Amino acid sequence: MTIIEFSQSYEREVVPADAPRVQRTEVRRAFFAGAWAVIQAMQEARRAAVSADSFEWPGPVLDELEEECSQFKSDVLKGRA
């Protein structure tokens, strides 16, 4: 799937059908901003791994990002985010 396809899927699941256009625009912008941030974090982790003496996939970095997102989801479900 492409980022726009993920974004559209997310919008169908989360944004009310009668949401105003401005809300849909802001949701799409926020989704892409989040995707960009994750891509940049992954690129930085890849660059660090490539510049190391021996190449290792930066699994710990991705694990940390996943944990951060998991915590945010938990906070959202509890009404704290």
C-alpha atoms as a PDB file:
ATOM      1  CA  MET A   1       0.000   0.000   0.000  1.00  0.00           C
ATOM      2  CA  THR A   2       1.057   3.576  -0.542  1.00  0.00           C
ATOM      3  CA  ILE A   3       0.965   6.244   2.152  1.00  0.00           C
ATOM      4  CA  ILE A   4      -2.103   7.840   0.563  1.00  0.00           C
ATOM      5  CA  GLU A   5      -3.851   4.449   0.601  1.00  0.00           C
ATOM      6  CA  PHE A   6      -3.010   4.001   4.295  1.00  0.00           C
ATOM      7  CA  SER A   7      -4.235   7.550   4.897  1.00  0.00           C
ATOM      8  CA  GLN A   8      -7.522   6.912   3.071  1.00  0.00           C
ATOM      9  CA  SER A   9      -8.047   3.680   4.998  1.00  0.00           C
ATOM     10  CA  TYR A  10      -7.386   5.503   8.268  1.00  0.00           C
ATOM     11  CA  GLU A  11      -9.780   8.290   7.271  1.00  0.00           C
ATOM     12  CA  ARG A  12     -12.567   5.819   6.457  1.00  0.00           C
ATOM     13  CA  GLU A  13     -12.152   4.170   9.868  1.00  0.00           C
ATOM     14  CA  VAL A  14     -11.723   7.278  12.018  1.00  0.00           C
ATOM     15  CA  VAL A  15     -13.194  10.412  10.458  1.00  0.00           C
ATOM     16  CA  PRO A  16     -16.986  10.762  10.573  1.00  0.00           C
ATOM     17  CA  ALA A  17     -18.655  10.578   7.153  1.00  0.00           C
ATOM     18  CA  ASP A  18     -20.126  14.054   7.614  1.00  0.00           C
ATOM     19  CA  ALA A  19     -16.842  15.661   8.707  1.00  0.00           C
ATOM     20  CA  PRO A  20     -16.139  19.017   7.111  1.00  0.00           C
ATOM     21  CA  ARG A  21     -13.567  19.263   4.340  1.00  0.00           C
ATOM     22  CA  VAL A  22     -11.149  21.194   6.548  1.00  0.00           C
ATOM     23  CA  GLN A  23     -11.127  18.328   9.069  1.00  0.00           C
ATOM     24  CA  ARG A  24     -10.360  15.808   6.333  1.00  0.00           C
ATOM     25  CA  THR A  25      -7.553  18.036   5.053  1.00  0.00           C
ATOM     26  CA  GLU A  26      -6.044  18.381   8.534  1.00  0.00           C
ATOM     27  CA  VAL A  27      -6.269  14.635   9.169  1.00  0.00           C
ATOM     28  CA  ARG A  28      -4.510  13.900   5.867  1.00  0.00           C
ATOM     29  CA  ARG A  29      -1.797  16.471   6.622  1.00  0.00           C
ATOM     30  CA  ALA A  30      -1.239  15.078  10.111  1.00  0.00           C
ATOM     31  CA  PHE A  31      -1.111  11.523   8.742  1.00  0.00           C
ATOM     32  CA  PHE A  32       1.519  12.445   6.168  1.00  0.00           C
ATOM     33  CA  ALA A  33       3.504  14.412   8.755  1.00  0.00           C
ATOM     34  CA  GLY A  34       3.556  11.324  10.964  1.00  0.00           C
ATOM     35  CA  ALA A  35       4.566   9.105   8.071  1.00  0.00           C
ATOM     36  CA  TRP A  36       7.356  11.544   7.192  1.00  0.00           C
ATOM     37  CA  ALA A  37       8.621  11.551  10.772  1.00  0.00           C
ATOM     38  CA  VAL A  38       8.769   7.749  10.863  1.00  0.00           C
ATOM     39  CA  ILE A  39      10.516   7.586   7.494  1.00  0.00           C
ATOM     40  CA  GLN A  40      13.097  10.116   8.668  1.00  0.00           C
ATOM     41  CA  ALA A  41      13.688   8.152  11.892  1.00  0.00           C
ATOM     42  CA  MET A  42      14.162   4.963   9.872  1.00  0.00           C
ATOM     43  CA  GLN A  43      16.524   6.700   7.448  1.00  0.00           C
ATOM     44  CA  GLU A  44      18.586   8.043  10.331  1.00  0.00           C
ATOM     45  CA  ALA A  45      18.751   4.587  11.898  1.00  0.00           C
ATOM     46  CA  ARG A  46      19.800   3.102   8.542  1.00  0.00           C
ATOM     47  CA  ARG A  47      22.506   5.735   8.074  1.00  0.00           C
ATOM     48  CA  ALA A  48      23.837   5.023  11.563  1.00  0.00           C
ATOM     49  CA  ALA A  49      23.879   1.279  10.878  1.00  0.00           C
ATOM     50  CA  VAL A  50      25.625   1.688   7.528  1.00  0.00           C
ATOM     51  CA  SER A  51      28.290   3.945   9.024  1.00  0.00           C
ATOM     52  CA  ALA A  52      28.991   1.451  11.829  1.00  0.00           C
ATOM     53  CA  ASP A  53      31.865  -1.016  11.518  1.00  0.00           C
ATOM     54  CA  SER A  54      29.509  -3.856  10.729  1.00  0.00           C
ATOM     55  CA  PHE A  55      26.022  -3.518   9.300  1.00  0.00           C
ATOM     56  CA  GLU A  56      23.208  -4.464  11.625  1.00  0.00           C
ATOM     57  CA  TRP A  57      19.580  -3.671  10.960  1.00  0.00           C
ATOM     58  CA  PRO A  58      18.550  -1.057  13.522  1.00  0.00           C
ATOM     59  CA  GLY A  59      15.940  -3.246  15.181  1.00  0.00           C
ATOM     60  CA  PRO A  60      16.274  -1.578  18.587  1.00  0.00           C
ATOM     61  CA  VAL A  61      15.486   1.820  17.055  1.00  0.00           C
ATOM     62  CA  LEU A  62      12.367   0.458  15.396  1.00  0.00           C
ATOM     63  CA  ASP A  63      11.380  -1.301  18.621  1.00  0.00           C
ATOM     64  CA  GLU A  64      11.618   2.014  20.466  1.00  0.00           C
ATOM     65  CA  LEU A  65       9.461   3.767  17.858  1.00  0.00           C
ATOM     66  CA  GLU A  66       6.911   0.965  18.034  1.00  0.00           C
ATOM     67  CA  GLU A  67       6.802   1.175  21.837  1.00  0.00           C
ATOM     68  CA  GLU A  68       6.315   4.948  21.672  1.00  0.00           C
ATOM     69  CA  CYS A  69       3.393   4.541  19.267  1.00  0.00           C
ATOM     70  CA  SER A  70       1.918   1.756  21.375  1.00  0.00           C
ATOM     71  CA  GLN A  71       2.059   3.964  24.459  1.00  0.00           C
ATOM     72  CA  PHE A  72       0.404   6.822  22.554  1.00  0.00           C
ATOM     73  CA  LYS A  73      -2.413   4.491  21.432  1.00  0.00           C
ATOM     74  CA  SER A  74      -2.899   3.367  25.011  1.00  0.00           C
ATOM     75  CA  ASP A  75      -3.021   6.995  26.175  1.00  0.00           C
ATOM     76  CA  VAL A  76      -5.573   7.837  23.462  1.00  0.00           C
ATOM     77  CA  LEU A  77      -7.802   4.945  24.515  1.00  0.00           C
ATOM     78  CA  LYS A  78      -7.600   6.147  28.124  1.00  0.00           C
ATOM     79  CA  GLY A  79      -8.414   9.738  27.104  1.00  0.00           C
ATOM     80  CA  ARG A  80      -4.978  11.067  28.040  1.00  0.00           C
ATOM     81  CA  ALA A  81      -3.726  12.054  24.563  1.00  0.00           C
END
